[in-house]
Amino acid sequence: MAKLHLNLKAEYFDQIKAGVKPHEFRLQTPYWCLRLLGKSFDGIVLKKGYPKAGDPDRTIERPWRGIEQQKITHPHFGANPVAVFAIRVN
């Protein structure tokens, strides 16, 4: 199996690294539905932006713990509630 690679903004990467943010969110678009629904991965690779290969300060590897479908309101997605995949990263 493969690992799920997610490139993140520095703000969210730092929150996950500090243990404050337990989920990474992706909108329930056709693209993310194809990538996530019914799939399992060996692990997750979280990257701060687009780092050089093997940069340990800008990369975190975590085990795959699954996803949840949620409805959230978040400033990143706008003022209205949206359907998202909550990918467990804690």
Protein backbone atom coordinates (compact mmCIF):
# COMPACT_ATOMS: atom_id res chain seq x y z
CA MET A 1 0.00 0.00 0.00
CA ALA A 2 0.97 3.62 -0.45
CA LYS A 3 1.25 6.54 1.92
CA LEU A 4 -1.06 9.55 1.70
CA HIS A 5 0.99 12.70 1.06
CA LEU A 6 -0.51 16.03 2.16
CA ASN A 7 1.14 19.41 1.63
CA LEU A 8 0.08 21.92 4.28
CA LYS A 9 0.35 25.62 5.01
CA ALA A 10 2.94 26.39 7.69
CA GLU A 11 0.25 27.41 10.21
CA TYR A 12 -1.52 24.04 10.06
CA PHE A 13 1.71 22.01 9.88
CA ASP A 14 3.02 23.70 13.04
CA GLN A 15 -0.29 23.06 14.88
CA ILE A 16 -0.16 19.34 14.01
CA LYS A 17 3.52 19.11 15.00
CA ALA A 18 2.71 20.73 18.38
CA GLY A 19 -0.15 18.27 18.94
CA VAL A 20 -2.85 20.96 18.95
CA LYS A 21 -4.62 19.97 15.72
CA PRO A 22 -5.93 16.36 15.63
CA HIS A 23 -7.45 16.45 12.11
CA GLU A 24 -6.48 17.80 8.70
CA PHE A 25 -9.51 18.78 6.63
CA ARG A 26 -10.17 18.37 2.92
CA LEU A 27 -13.38 19.46 1.20
CA GLN A 28 -15.62 16.66 -0.04
CA THR A 29 -14.96 17.33 -3.71
CA PRO A 30 -14.99 14.66 -6.44
CA TYR A 31 -11.16 14.71 -6.37
CA TRP A 32 -10.91 13.96 -2.63
CA CYS A 33 -13.75 11.43 -2.79
CA LEU A 34 -11.76 9.42 -5.36
CA ARG A 35 -8.57 9.69 -3.31
CA LEU A 36 -10.03 8.85 0.11
CA LEU A 37 -13.34 6.97 0.07
CA GLY A 38 -12.96 3.23 0.55
CA LYS A 39 -9.17 3.46 0.71
CA SER A 40 -6.62 2.63 3.34
CA PHE A 41 -3.00 3.71 3.50
CA ASP A 42 0.20 2.54 5.20
CA GLY A 43 0.64 5.99 6.71
CA ILE A 44 0.41 9.73 6.19
CA VAL A 45 3.25 12.04 5.17
CA LEU A 46 2.54 15.64 6.19
CA LYS A 47 4.73 18.27 4.54
CA LYS A 48 5.22 21.93 5.34
CA GLY A 49 4.79 23.45 1.90
CA TYR A 50 6.90 21.68 -0.70
CA PRO A 51 10.15 20.73 1.07
CA LYS A 52 13.24 19.18 -0.45
CA ALA A 53 13.23 15.38 -0.30
CA GLY A 54 14.22 14.06 3.10
CA ASP A 55 13.92 17.37 5.00
CA PRO A 56 13.04 16.13 8.54
CA ASP A 57 12.17 19.61 9.87
CA ARG A 58 9.42 20.06 7.28
CA THR A 59 8.06 16.50 7.17
CA ILE A 60 6.04 14.44 9.65
CA GLU A 61 5.12 10.77 9.18
CA ARG A 62 2.14 9.39 11.07
CA PRO A 63 0.26 6.08 10.98
CA TRP A 64 -3.00 5.91 9.05
CA ARG A 65 -5.92 6.23 11.46
CA GLY A 66 -8.71 6.76 8.96
CA ILE A 67 -11.09 9.56 8.05
CA GLU A 68 -14.42 10.88 9.23
CA GLN A 69 -17.00 12.81 7.26
CA GLN A 70 -17.95 16.00 9.09
CA LYS A 71 -19.71 19.29 8.53
CA ILE A 72 -17.68 22.24 9.83
CA THR A 73 -17.44 26.01 9.70
CA HIS A 74 -13.85 27.17 9.31
CA PRO A 75 -12.38 30.51 8.18
CA HIS A 76 -10.28 28.71 5.54
CA PHE A 77 -13.46 27.44 3.81
CA GLY A 78 -15.62 30.54 4.26
CA ALA A 79 -18.48 31.55 6.54
CA ASN A 80 -20.93 28.76 5.64
CA PRO A 81 -20.78 25.16 6.91
CA VAL A 82 -19.12 22.75 4.47
CA ALA A 83 -18.81 18.97 4.20
CA VAL A 84 -15.23 17.81 4.74
CA PHE A 85 -13.12 14.72 5.22
CA ALA A 86 -11.43 14.92 8.62
CA ILE A 87 -8.17 12.97 8.30
CA ARG A 88 -6.87 11.89 11.73
CA VAL A 89 -3.28 13.05 12.15
CA ASN A 90 -2.79 12.83 15.93
